[in-house]
């Protein structure tokens, strides 16, 4: 059996198991009986989800029969949910690092989000009972922070990395070709290197006090275990790249550690291409992927309003 077939079967099996678990969690048996659910410490938040069924084979394109994006107000645990800001970096100015901005042109979108979306969002999170974590990387700008030192202590030594297959001269040349012709481009490489050498937190994204700071999933899972968190709601950059696939991102946290992972639509952007950038279709596809494979997608105004409601405020 092929790896693709195994992955497909694992996805379908996992999804079926999730349906059974969902019935159990809401007290619903296979016949549809629903006993009263015990009261929990919850915040009710409007959440976007994607109805990826039923395909209509009477249509030219069967997927057009899907229900598509839907919205429902759902209960989320105040005791087991956290917000995480990931890879919110200060990328300097275009005058300082023109080559970096030429190959990562979402930087202005990220800067706008940090300036306009992060302040009210993070203020609301900090005023609530939800923990706020930060996922970092790309330098050592965070290693003096109390929250990082706590994460390192909680996590203990990192597990041994898996053995990597050996490269060869042909593959090395292919990687070199990709760097020159795909990303980042030879003319841009020096600026990218210089940018990462002075990397820091973007304005309005800096950790405060002893907020947990993790550079990988091993440390982030330790922070989650300390606080009893099993659902992470992501903000940061970029939704189809680091937030999904980097250490501490959704794929690692969901598949390795069993954490539900969601995102806030207005608090992220995506790596776009020439064909997608005008309409930000890569962001839309990434949010669909989050909703289908990992969790839910929140609108920031709904999320902040729910946190400011009496049910989400510290001491209420």
C-alpha atoms as a PDB file:
ATOM      1  CA  UNK A   1       0.000   0.000   0.000  1.00  0.00           C
ATOM      2  CA  UNK A   2       1.343   3.444  -0.913  1.00  0.00           C
ATOM      3  CA  UNK A   3       2.240   6.150   1.615  1.00  0.00           C
ATOM      4  CA  UNK A   4      -0.465   8.333   0.093  1.00  0.00           C
ATOM      5  CA  UNK A   5      -3.073   5.624   0.633  1.00  0.00           C
ATOM      6  CA  UNK A   6      -1.924   5.127   4.221  1.00  0.00           C
ATOM      7  CA  UNK A   7      -2.154   8.848   4.893  1.00  0.00           C
ATOM      8  CA  UNK A   8      -5.600   9.041   3.328  1.00  0.00           C
ATOM      9  CA  UNK A   9      -6.827   6.095   5.394  1.00  0.00           C
ATOM     10  CA  UNK A  10      -5.345   7.581   8.554  1.00  0.00           C
ATOM     11  CA  UNK A  11      -7.119  10.899   7.881  1.00  0.00           C
ATOM     12  CA  UNK A  12     -10.474   9.214   7.282  1.00  0.00           C
ATOM     13  CA  UNK A  13     -10.060   6.923  10.295  1.00  0.00           C
ATOM     14  CA  UNK A  14      -9.114   9.858  12.494  1.00  0.00           C
ATOM     15  CA  UNK A  15     -12.070  11.885  11.269  1.00  0.00           C
ATOM     16  CA  UNK A  16     -14.487   9.013  11.939  1.00  0.00           C
ATOM     17  CA  UNK A  17     -13.061   8.606  15.425  1.00  0.00           C
ATOM     18  CA  UNK A  18     -13.531  12.320  16.001  1.00  0.00           C
ATOM     19  CA  UNK A  19     -17.237  12.036  15.146  1.00  0.00           C
ATOM     20  CA  UNK A  20     -17.639   9.268  17.727  1.00  0.00           C
ATOM     21  CA  UNK A  21     -15.706  11.316  20.284  1.00  0.00           C
ATOM     22  CA  UNK A  22     -17.847  14.367  19.559  1.00  0.00           C
ATOM     23  CA  UNK A  23     -21.012  12.378  20.203  1.00  0.00           C
ATOM     24  CA  UNK A  24     -19.587  11.160  23.489  1.00  0.00           C
ATOM     25  CA  UNK A  25     -18.423  14.642  24.482  1.00  0.00           C
ATOM     26  CA  UNK A  26     -21.901  16.114  24.051  1.00  0.00           C
ATOM     27  CA  UNK A  27     -23.549  13.075  25.597  1.00  0.00           C
ATOM     28  CA  UNK A  28     -25.131  11.876  22.371  1.00  0.00           C
ATOM     29  CA  UNK A  29     -25.298   8.165  21.680  1.00  0.00           C
ATOM     30  CA  UNK A  30     -25.543   6.566  18.238  1.00  0.00           C
ATOM     31  CA  UNK A  31     -29.354   6.749  18.352  1.00  0.00           C
ATOM     32  CA  UNK A  32     -29.229  10.504  18.883  1.00  0.00           C
ATOM     33  CA  UNK A  33     -30.244  10.622  22.566  1.00  0.00           C
ATOM     34  CA  UNK A  34     -28.683  13.638  24.256  1.00  0.00           C
ATOM     35  CA  UNK A  35     -28.547  13.571  28.086  1.00  0.00           C
ATOM     36  CA  UNK A  36     -28.022  16.904  29.804  1.00  0.00           C
ATOM     37  CA  UNK A  37     -24.375  17.992  29.535  1.00  0.00           C
ATOM     38  CA  UNK A  38     -22.677  18.945  32.771  1.00  0.00           C
ATOM     39  CA  UNK A  39     -22.050  22.668  33.190  1.00  0.00           C
ATOM     40  CA  UNK A  40     -18.460  23.686  32.483  1.00  0.00           C
ATOM     41  CA  UNK A  41     -16.446  26.879  32.688  1.00  0.00           C
ATOM     42  CA  UNK A  42     -17.014  27.981  29.106  1.00  0.00           C
ATOM     43  CA  UNK A  43     -16.956  31.001  26.828  1.00  0.00           C
ATOM     44  CA  UNK A  44     -19.530  30.995  24.060  1.00  0.00           C
ATOM     45  CA  UNK A  45     -17.877  32.221  20.863  1.00  0.00           C
ATOM     46  CA  UNK A  46     -19.202  32.440  17.286  1.00  0.00           C
ATOM     47  CA  UNK A  47     -16.948  30.075  15.338  1.00  0.00           C
ATOM     48  CA  UNK A  48     -16.564  29.499  11.611  1.00  0.00           C
ATOM     49  CA  UNK A  49     -16.418  25.914  10.422  1.00  0.00           C
ATOM     50  CA  UNK A  50     -16.434  24.314   6.985  1.00  0.00           C
ATOM     51  CA  UNK A  51     -19.078  21.773   5.975  1.00  0.00           C
ATOM     52  CA  UNK A  52     -17.043  19.531   3.666  1.00  0.00           C
ATOM     53  CA  UNK A  53     -19.997  17.343   2.627  1.00  0.00           C
ATOM     54  CA  UNK A  54     -22.154  16.252   0.772  1.00  0.00           C
ATOM     55  CA  UNK A  55     -20.756  16.245  -2.716  1.00  0.00           C
ATOM     56  CA  UNK A  56     -23.515  16.369  -5.317  1.00  0.00           C
ATOM     57  CA  UNK A  57     -22.676  14.108  -8.245  1.00  0.00           C
ATOM     58  CA  UNK A  58     -25.566  15.523 -10.189  1.00  0.00           C
ATOM     59  CA  UNK A  59     -23.495  18.705 -10.623  1.00  0.00           C
ATOM     60  CA  UNK A  60     -20.690  19.252 -13.114  1.00  0.00           C
ATOM     61  CA  UNK A  61     -18.408  19.867 -10.105  1.00  0.00           C
ATOM     62  CA  UNK A  62     -19.575  17.615  -7.233  1.00  0.00           C
ATOM     63  CA  UNK A  63     -17.761  19.679  -4.571  1.00  0.00           C
ATOM     64  CA  UNK A  64     -20.112  22.575  -5.312  1.00  0.00           C
ATOM     65  CA  UNK A  65     -22.691  20.618  -3.322  1.00  0.00           C
ATOM     66  CA  UNK A  66     -20.711  21.076  -0.092  1.00  0.00           C
ATOM     67  CA  UNK A  67     -22.279  23.222   2.599  1.00  0.00           C
ATOM     68  CA  UNK A  68     -19.172  25.395   2.668  1.00  0.00           C
ATOM     69  CA  UNK A  69     -18.452  27.994   5.340  1.00  0.00           C
ATOM     70  CA  UNK A  70     -20.936  28.010   8.228  1.00  0.00           C
ATOM     71  CA  UNK A  71     -21.012  29.780  11.590  1.00  0.00           C
ATOM     72  CA  UNK A  72     -22.247  28.617  14.976  1.00  0.00           C
ATOM     73  CA  UNK A  73     -21.885  29.888  18.522  1.00  0.00           C
ATOM     74  CA  UNK A  74     -20.064  27.131  20.400  1.00  0.00           C
ATOM     75  CA  UNK A  75     -18.805  26.643  23.955  1.00  0.00           C
ATOM     76  CA  UNK A  76     -15.035  26.770  24.466  1.00  0.00           C
ATOM     77  CA  UNK A  77     -13.426  25.954  27.786  1.00  0.00           C
ATOM     78  CA  UNK A  78     -11.925  28.862  29.708  1.00  0.00           C
ATOM     79  CA  UNK A  79      -9.810  26.319  31.598  1.00  0.00           C
ATOM     80  CA  UNK A  80      -8.300  24.540  28.604  1.00  0.00           C
ATOM     81  CA  UNK A  81      -7.900  27.173  25.859  1.00  0.00           C
ATOM     82  CA  UNK A  82      -4.974  29.513  25.152  1.00  0.00           C
ATOM     83  CA  UNK A  83      -4.068  32.059  22.493  1.00  0.00           C
ATOM     84  CA  UNK A  84      -0.647  31.757  20.866  1.00  0.00           C
ATOM     85  CA  UNK A  85       1.138  34.438  18.839  1.00  0.00           C
ATOM     86  CA  UNK A  86       3.609  32.820  16.448  1.00  0.00           C
ATOM     87  CA  UNK A  87       6.511  34.339  14.508  1.00  0.00           C
ATOM     88  CA  UNK A  88       5.424  37.953  14.842  1.00  0.00           C
ATOM     89  CA  UNK A  89       8.767  39.361  13.727  1.00  0.00           C
ATOM     90  CA  UNK A  90      10.206  42.819  13.313  1.00  0.00           C
ATOM     91  CA  UNK A  91      11.452  42.686   9.725  1.00  0.00           C
ATOM     92  CA  UNK A  92      12.865  46.203   9.697  1.00  0.00           C
ATOM     93  CA  UNK A  93      12.090  48.543   6.823  1.00  0.00           C
ATOM     94  CA  UNK A  94      12.164  48.053   3.077  1.00  0.00           C
ATOM     95  CA  UNK A  95      15.042  50.555   2.909  1.00  0.00           C
ATOM     96  CA  UNK A  96      17.060  48.486   5.397  1.00  0.00           C
ATOM     97  CA  UNK A  97      16.385  45.061   3.882  1.00  0.00           C
ATOM     98  CA  UNK A  98      15.061  45.476   0.327  1.00  0.00           C
ATOM     99  CA  UNK A  99      15.951  41.925  -0.665  1.00  0.00           C
ATOM    100  CA  UNK A 100      14.034  40.423   2.265  1.00  0.00           C
ATOM    101  CA  UNK A 101      10.939  42.446   1.427  1.00  0.00           C
ATOM    102  CA  UNK A 102      11.214  41.509  -2.273  1.00  0.00           C
ATOM    103  CA  UNK A 103      10.874  37.796  -1.509  1.00  0.00           C
ATOM    104  CA  UNK A 104       8.584  38.112   1.557  1.00  0.00           C
ATOM    105  CA  UNK A 105       6.140  40.824   0.444  1.00  0.00           C
ATOM    106  CA  UNK A 106       3.550  39.895   3.057  1.00  0.00           C
ATOM    107  CA  UNK A 107       5.626  41.901   5.581  1.00  0.00           C
ATOM    108  CA  UNK A 108       3.522  45.081   5.113  1.00  0.00           C
ATOM    109  CA  UNK A 109       0.332  43.064   5.692  1.00  0.00           C
ATOM    110  CA  UNK A 110       1.837  41.561   8.843  1.00  0.00           C
ATOM    111  CA  UNK A 111       2.940  45.000  10.052  1.00  0.00           C
ATOM    112  CA  UNK A 112      -0.601  46.334   9.599  1.00  0.00           C
ATOM    113  CA  UNK A 113      -2.030  43.420  11.571  1.00  0.00           C
ATOM    114  CA  UNK A 114       0.476  44.002  14.385  1.00  0.00           C
ATOM    115  CA  UNK A 115      -0.423  47.698  14.440  1.00  0.00           C
ATOM    116  CA  UNK A 116      -4.212  47.450  14.114  1.00  0.00           C
ATOM    117  CA  UNK A 117      -5.386  43.976  15.150  1.00  0.00           C
ATOM    118  CA  UNK A 118      -2.958  42.846  17.841  1.00  0.00           C
ATOM    119  CA  UNK A 119      -3.429  45.671  20.391  1.00  0.00           C
ATOM    120  CA  UNK A 120      -7.164  45.151  21.104  1.00  0.00           C
ATOM    121  CA  UNK A 121      -6.875  41.376  20.664  1.00  0.00           C
ATOM    122  CA  UNK A 122      -3.971  40.876  23.065  1.00  0.00           C
ATOM    123  CA  UNK A 123      -5.401  43.373  25.543  1.00  0.00           C
ATOM    124  CA  UNK A 124      -8.617  41.334  25.650  1.00  0.00           C
ATOM    125  CA  UNK A 125      -6.732  38.044  26.049  1.00  0.00           C
ATOM    126  CA  UNK A 126      -4.591  39.449  28.865  1.00  0.00           C
ATOM    127  CA  UNK A 127      -7.705  40.700  30.653  1.00  0.00           C
ATOM    128  CA  UNK A 128      -9.293  37.247  30.428  1.00  0.00           C
ATOM    129  CA  UNK A 129      -8.569  33.902  32.045  1.00  0.00           C
ATOM    130  CA  UNK A 130      -6.991  32.555  28.839  1.00  0.00           C
ATOM    131  CA  UNK A 131      -3.202  32.118  28.882  1.00  0.00           C
ATOM    132  CA  UNK A 132      -1.202  33.887  26.180  1.00  0.00           C
ATOM    133  CA  UNK A 133       1.762  32.011  24.714  1.00  0.00           C
ATOM    134  CA  UNK A 134       4.366  33.030  22.143  1.00  0.00           C
ATOM    135  CA  UNK A 135       6.096  30.772  19.611  1.00  0.00           C
ATOM    136  CA  UNK A 136       9.457  32.120  18.505  1.00  0.00           C
ATOM    137  CA  UNK A 137      12.344  31.158  16.262  1.00  0.00           C
ATOM    138  CA  UNK A 138      14.933  32.402  13.831  1.00  0.00           C
ATOM    139  CA  UNK A 139      17.365  33.873  16.356  1.00  0.00           C
ATOM    140  CA  UNK A 140      18.110  34.285  20.052  1.00  0.00           C
ATOM    141  CA  UNK A 141      16.173  37.494  20.712  1.00  0.00           C
ATOM    142  CA  UNK A 142      13.908  35.746  23.254  1.00  0.00           C
ATOM    143  CA  UNK A 143      16.307  33.650  25.322  1.00  0.00           C
ATOM    144  CA  UNK A 144      16.601  36.154  28.165  1.00  0.00           C
ATOM    145  CA  UNK A 145      12.824  36.173  28.789  1.00  0.00           C
ATOM    146  CA  UNK A 146      11.364  34.651  31.964  1.00  0.00           C
ATOM    147  CA  UNK A 147       8.655  32.889  29.979  1.00  0.00           C
ATOM    148  CA  UNK A 148      11.225  31.177  27.756  1.00  0.00           C
ATOM    149  CA  UNK A 149      13.349  30.071  30.698  1.00  0.00           C
ATOM    150  CA  UNK A 150      10.236  28.617  32.329  1.00  0.00           C
ATOM    151  CA  UNK A 151       9.343  26.720  29.140  1.00  0.00           C
ATOM    152  CA  UNK A 152      12.853  25.258  28.924  1.00  0.00           C
ATOM    153  CA  UNK A 153      12.695  24.166  32.564  1.00  0.00           C
ATOM    154  CA  UNK A 154       9.232  22.669  32.207  1.00  0.00           C
ATOM    155  CA  UNK A 155      10.072  20.810  28.996  1.00  0.00           C
ATOM    156  CA  UNK A 156      13.443  19.429  30.017  1.00  0.00           C
ATOM    157  CA  UNK A 157      15.977  18.230  27.455  1.00  0.00           C
ATOM    158  CA  UNK A 158      14.724  18.082  23.891  1.00  0.00           C
ATOM    159  CA  UNK A 159      14.238  14.579  22.484  1.00  0.00           C
ATOM    160  CA  UNK A 160      16.854  13.361  20.048  1.00  0.00           C
ATOM    161  CA  UNK A 161      16.194  14.522  16.500  1.00  0.00           C
ATOM    162  CA  UNK A 162      15.406  11.735  14.022  1.00  0.00           C
ATOM    163  CA  UNK A 163      18.287  10.618  11.866  1.00  0.00           C
ATOM    164  CA  UNK A 164      18.305  12.429   8.535  1.00  0.00           C
ATOM    165  CA  UNK A 165      19.022  10.687   5.276  1.00  0.00           C
ATOM    166  CA  UNK A 166      22.358  11.474   3.661  1.00  0.00           C
ATOM    167  CA  UNK A 167      22.469  14.008   0.852  1.00  0.00           C
ATOM    168  CA  UNK A 168      24.592  13.736  -2.294  1.00  0.00           C
ATOM    169  CA  UNK A 169      26.140  16.101  -4.823  1.00  0.00           C
ATOM    170  CA  UNK A 170      23.198  15.906  -7.206  1.00  0.00           C
ATOM    171  CA  UNK A 171      20.654  16.777  -4.520  1.00  0.00           C
ATOM    172  CA  UNK A 172      22.893  19.555  -3.185  1.00  0.00           C
ATOM    173  CA  UNK A 173      22.885  21.092  -6.657  1.00  0.00           C
ATOM    174  CA  UNK A 174      19.096  20.840  -6.788  1.00  0.00           C
ATOM    175  CA  UNK A 175      18.809  22.708  -3.489  1.00  0.00           C
ATOM    176  CA  UNK A 176      21.199  25.359  -4.787  1.00  0.00           C
ATOM    177  CA  UNK A 177      19.106  25.700  -7.959  1.00  0.00           C
ATOM    178  CA  UNK A 178      15.956  26.132  -5.872  1.00  0.00           C
ATOM    179  CA  UNK A 179      17.540  28.846  -3.734  1.00  0.00           C
ATOM    180  CA  UNK A 180      18.607  30.755  -6.847  1.00  0.00           C
ATOM    181  CA  UNK A 181      15.484  30.271  -8.952  1.00  0.00           C
ATOM    182  CA  UNK A 182      12.606  29.571  -6.503  1.00  0.00           C
ATOM    183  CA  UNK A 183      13.238  31.231  -3.141  1.00  0.00           C
ATOM    184  CA  UNK A 184      14.885  33.499  -1.962  1.00  0.00           C
ATOM    185  CA  UNK A 185      16.934  34.479  -5.020  1.00  0.00           C
ATOM    186  CA  UNK A 186      20.669  35.140  -4.988  1.00  0.00           C
ATOM    187  CA  UNK A 187      20.255  38.916  -5.014  1.00  0.00           C
ATOM    188  CA  UNK A 188      18.052  38.721  -1.922  1.00  0.00           C
ATOM    189  CA  UNK A 189      19.971  36.199   0.167  1.00  0.00           C
ATOM    190  CA  UNK A 190      22.320  38.652   1.897  1.00  0.00           C
ATOM    191  CA  UNK A 191      19.458  40.905   3.014  1.00  0.00           C
ATOM    192  CA  UNK A 192      17.514  37.931   4.367  1.00  0.00           C
ATOM    193  CA  UNK A 193      20.589  36.783   6.303  1.00  0.00           C
ATOM    194  CA  UNK A 194      21.178  40.276   7.714  1.00  0.00           C
ATOM    195  CA  UNK A 195      17.516  40.564   8.668  1.00  0.00           C
ATOM    196  CA  UNK A 196      17.516  37.358  10.657  1.00  0.00           C
ATOM    197  CA  UNK A 197      20.742  38.338  12.409  1.00  0.00           C
ATOM    198  CA  UNK A 198      18.907  41.264  14.059  1.00  0.00           C
ATOM    199  CA  UNK A 199      15.512  39.634  14.409  1.00  0.00           C
ATOM    200  CA  UNK A 200      13.175  40.692  17.207  1.00  0.00           C
ATOM    201  CA  UNK A 201       9.537  40.890  18.194  1.00  0.00           C
ATOM    202  CA  UNK A 202       7.289  43.059  16.071  1.00  0.00           C
ATOM    203  CA  UNK A 203       5.818  46.089  17.833  1.00  0.00           C
ATOM    204  CA  UNK A 204       2.708  45.175  19.857  1.00  0.00           C
ATOM    205  CA  UNK A 205       3.624  41.475  19.904  1.00  0.00           C
ATOM    206  CA  UNK A 206       6.205  41.422  22.714  1.00  0.00           C
ATOM    207  CA  UNK A 207       5.594  39.018  25.614  1.00  0.00           C
ATOM    208  CA  UNK A 208       4.695  40.625  28.912  1.00  0.00           C
ATOM    209  CA  UNK A 209       5.741  39.407  32.342  1.00  0.00           C
ATOM    210  CA  UNK A 210       6.207  35.652  32.441  1.00  0.00           C
ATOM    211  CA  UNK A 211       3.957  34.767  29.502  1.00  0.00           C
ATOM    212  CA  UNK A 212       5.104  31.421  28.115  1.00  0.00           C
ATOM    213  CA  UNK A 213       7.593  31.560  25.232  1.00  0.00           C
ATOM    214  CA  UNK A 214       8.402  28.399  23.246  1.00  0.00           C
ATOM    215  CA  UNK A 215      10.698  27.749  20.305  1.00  0.00           C
ATOM    216  CA  UNK A 216       9.331  24.292  19.440  1.00  0.00           C
ATOM    217  CA  UNK A 217       6.477  21.905  20.057  1.00  0.00           C
ATOM    218  CA  UNK A 218       8.320  20.161  22.894  1.00  0.00           C
ATOM    219  CA  UNK A 219       8.376  23.404  24.874  1.00  0.00           C
ATOM    220  CA  UNK A 220       4.902  24.542  23.788  1.00  0.00           C
ATOM    221  CA  UNK A 221       3.394  21.216  24.882  1.00  0.00           C
ATOM    222  CA  UNK A 222       5.070  21.660  28.278  1.00  0.00           C
ATOM    223  CA  UNK A 223       3.444  25.085  28.627  1.00  0.00           C
ATOM    224  CA  UNK A 224       0.106  23.543  27.608  1.00  0.00           C
ATOM    225  CA  UNK A 225       0.466  20.770  30.176  1.00  0.00           C
ATOM    226  CA  UNK A 226       1.345  23.268  32.912  1.00  0.00           C
ATOM    227  CA  UNK A 227      -1.841  25.251  32.274  1.00  0.00           C
ATOM    228  CA  UNK A 228      -4.073  22.325  31.301  1.00  0.00           C
ATOM    229  CA  UNK A 229      -4.446  23.665  27.751  1.00  0.00           C
ATOM    230  CA  UNK A 230      -5.722  21.358  25.012  1.00  0.00           C
ATOM    231  CA  UNK A 231      -6.868  23.998  22.474  1.00  0.00           C
ATOM    232  CA  UNK A 232      -4.554  26.616  20.967  1.00  0.00           C
ATOM    233  CA  UNK A 233      -5.906  29.579  19.004  1.00  0.00           C
ATOM    234  CA  UNK A 234      -3.216  30.938  16.674  1.00  0.00           C
ATOM    235  CA  UNK A 235      -2.375  34.439  15.509  1.00  0.00           C
ATOM    236  CA  UNK A 236       0.765  35.416  13.628  1.00  0.00           C
ATOM    237  CA  UNK A 237       2.546  34.707  10.389  1.00  0.00           C
ATOM    238  CA  UNK A 238       2.080  33.070   8.071  1.00  0.00           C
ATOM    239  CA  UNK A 239      -1.056  30.928   8.207  1.00  0.00           C
ATOM    240  CA  UNK A 240      -0.044  28.658   5.305  1.00  0.00           C
ATOM    241  CA  UNK A 241       3.609  28.373   6.286  1.00  0.00           C
ATOM    242  CA  UNK A 242       5.002  28.720   9.803  1.00  0.00           C
ATOM    243  CA  UNK A 243       1.674  28.466  11.630  1.00  0.00           C
ATOM    244  CA  UNK A 244       1.009  25.147   9.931  1.00  0.00           C
ATOM    245  CA  UNK A 245       4.417  23.550   9.519  1.00  0.00           C
ATOM    246  CA  UNK A 246       7.145  25.153  11.647  1.00  0.00           C
ATOM    247  CA  UNK A 247       8.124  23.814  15.097  1.00  0.00           C
ATOM    248  CA  UNK A 248       5.282  24.673  17.433  1.00  0.00           C
ATOM    249  CA  UNK A 249       2.863  24.979  14.517  1.00  0.00           C
ATOM    250  CA  UNK A 250      -0.484  23.283  14.061  1.00  0.00           C
ATOM    251  CA  UNK A 251       0.649  20.101  12.334  1.00  0.00           C
ATOM    252  CA  UNK A 252       3.108  19.264  15.103  1.00  0.00           C
ATOM    253  CA  UNK A 253       0.833  20.284  17.961  1.00  0.00           C
ATOM    254  CA  UNK A 254      -2.201  18.450  16.582  1.00  0.00           C
ATOM    255  CA  UNK A 255      -0.644  15.242  15.319  1.00  0.00           C
ATOM    256  CA  UNK A 256       2.156  14.781  17.853  1.00  0.00           C
ATOM    257  CA  UNK A 257       0.587  16.213  21.005  1.00  0.00           C
ATOM    258  CA  UNK A 258      -3.171  15.962  20.404  1.00  0.00           C
ATOM    259  CA  UNK A 259      -3.926  19.674  20.728  1.00  0.00           C
ATOM    260  CA  UNK A 260      -6.894  21.223  18.902  1.00  0.00           C
ATOM    261  CA  UNK A 261      -5.616  24.151  16.808  1.00  0.00           C
ATOM    262  CA  UNK A 262      -7.688  27.082  15.576  1.00  0.00           C
ATOM    263  CA  UNK A 263      -6.930  30.489  14.048  1.00  0.00           C
ATOM    264  CA  UNK A 264      -8.173  34.082  14.103  1.00  0.00           C
ATOM    265  CA  UNK A 265      -8.839  35.191  10.535  1.00  0.00           C
ATOM    266  CA  UNK A 266      -7.941  38.877  10.874  1.00  0.00           C
ATOM    267  CA  UNK A 267      -4.846  38.177  13.007  1.00  0.00           C
ATOM    268  CA  UNK A 268      -2.886  36.390  10.304  1.00  0.00           C
ATOM    269  CA  UNK A 269      -1.862  36.590   6.664  1.00  0.00           C
ATOM    270  CA  UNK A 270      -0.382  34.156   4.160  1.00  0.00           C
ATOM    271  CA  UNK A 271       2.516  33.626   1.809  1.00  0.00           C
ATOM    272  CA  UNK A 272       0.870  34.458  -1.498  1.00  0.00           C
ATOM    273  CA  UNK A 273       2.020  33.911  -5.082  1.00  0.00           C
ATOM    274  CA  UNK A 274       1.711  35.999  -8.223  1.00  0.00           C
ATOM    275  CA  UNK A 275      -1.611  34.453  -9.112  1.00  0.00           C
ATOM    276  CA  UNK A 276      -3.191  34.507  -5.619  1.00  0.00           C
ATOM    277  CA  UNK A 277      -1.966  37.721  -3.998  1.00  0.00           C
ATOM    278  CA  UNK A 278      -4.589  40.178  -5.240  1.00  0.00           C
ATOM    279  CA  UNK A 279      -7.450  38.164  -3.705  1.00  0.00           C
ATOM    280  CA  UNK A 280      -5.323  36.493  -0.981  1.00  0.00           C
ATOM    281  CA  UNK A 281      -6.501  33.068  -2.084  1.00  0.00           C
ATOM    282  CA  UNK A 282      -3.650  31.272  -0.310  1.00  0.00           C
ATOM    283  CA  UNK A 283      -4.908  32.688   2.973  1.00  0.00           C
ATOM    284  CA  UNK A 284      -8.417  31.504   2.168  1.00  0.00           C
ATOM    285  CA  UNK A 285      -7.203  28.003   1.334  1.00  0.00           C
ATOM    286  CA  UNK A 286      -5.108  27.873   4.502  1.00  0.00           C
ATOM    287  CA  UNK A 287      -8.061  28.879   6.673  1.00  0.00           C
ATOM    288  CA  UNK A 288     -10.172  26.193   4.977  1.00  0.00           C
ATOM    289  CA  UNK A 289      -7.410  23.707   5.808  1.00  0.00           C
ATOM    290  CA  UNK A 290      -7.408  24.825   9.449  1.00  0.00           C
ATOM    291  CA  UNK A 291     -11.171  24.407   9.647  1.00  0.00           C
ATOM    292  CA  UNK A 292     -11.088  21.012   7.945  1.00  0.00           C
ATOM    293  CA  UNK A 293      -8.067  19.422   9.615  1.00  0.00           C
ATOM    294  CA  UNK A 294      -7.365  21.167  12.909  1.00  0.00           C
ATOM    295  CA  UNK A 295     -10.095  23.256  14.567  1.00  0.00           C
ATOM    296  CA  UNK A 296     -12.090  26.430  13.941  1.00  0.00           C
ATOM    297  CA  UNK A 297     -11.648  29.899  12.454  1.00  0.00           C
ATOM    298  CA  UNK A 298     -12.691  32.897  14.551  1.00  0.00           C
ATOM    299  CA  UNK A 299     -13.383  36.467  13.528  1.00  0.00           C
ATOM    300  CA  UNK A 300     -11.451  38.806  15.781  1.00  0.00           C
ATOM    301  CA  UNK A 301     -14.402  41.048  16.693  1.00  0.00           C
ATOM    302  CA  UNK A 302     -16.468  38.029  17.749  1.00  0.00           C
ATOM    303  CA  UNK A 303     -13.585  36.607  19.751  1.00  0.00           C
ATOM    304  CA  UNK A 304     -12.761  39.868  21.539  1.00  0.00           C
ATOM    305  CA  UNK A 305     -16.436  40.524  22.307  1.00  0.00           C
ATOM    306  CA  UNK A 306     -16.769  37.047  23.827  1.00  0.00           C
ATOM    307  CA  UNK A 307     -13.694  37.593  25.987  1.00  0.00           C
ATOM    308  CA  UNK A 308     -15.011  40.963  27.168  1.00  0.00           C
ATOM    309  CA  UNK A 309     -18.332  39.421  28.094  1.00  0.00           C
ATOM    310  CA  UNK A 310     -18.633  38.742  31.801  1.00  0.00           C
ATOM    311  CA  UNK A 311     -18.044  35.041  31.198  1.00  0.00           C
ATOM    312  CA  UNK A 312     -14.531  35.622  29.887  1.00  0.00           C
ATOM    313  CA  UNK A 313     -13.120  38.236  32.254  1.00  0.00           C
ATOM    314  CA  UNK A 314     -10.737  37.476  35.086  1.00  0.00           C
ATOM    315  CA  UNK A 315     -12.433  37.415  38.435  1.00  0.00           C
ATOM    316  CA  UNK A 316     -15.949  37.428  36.988  1.00  0.00           C
END
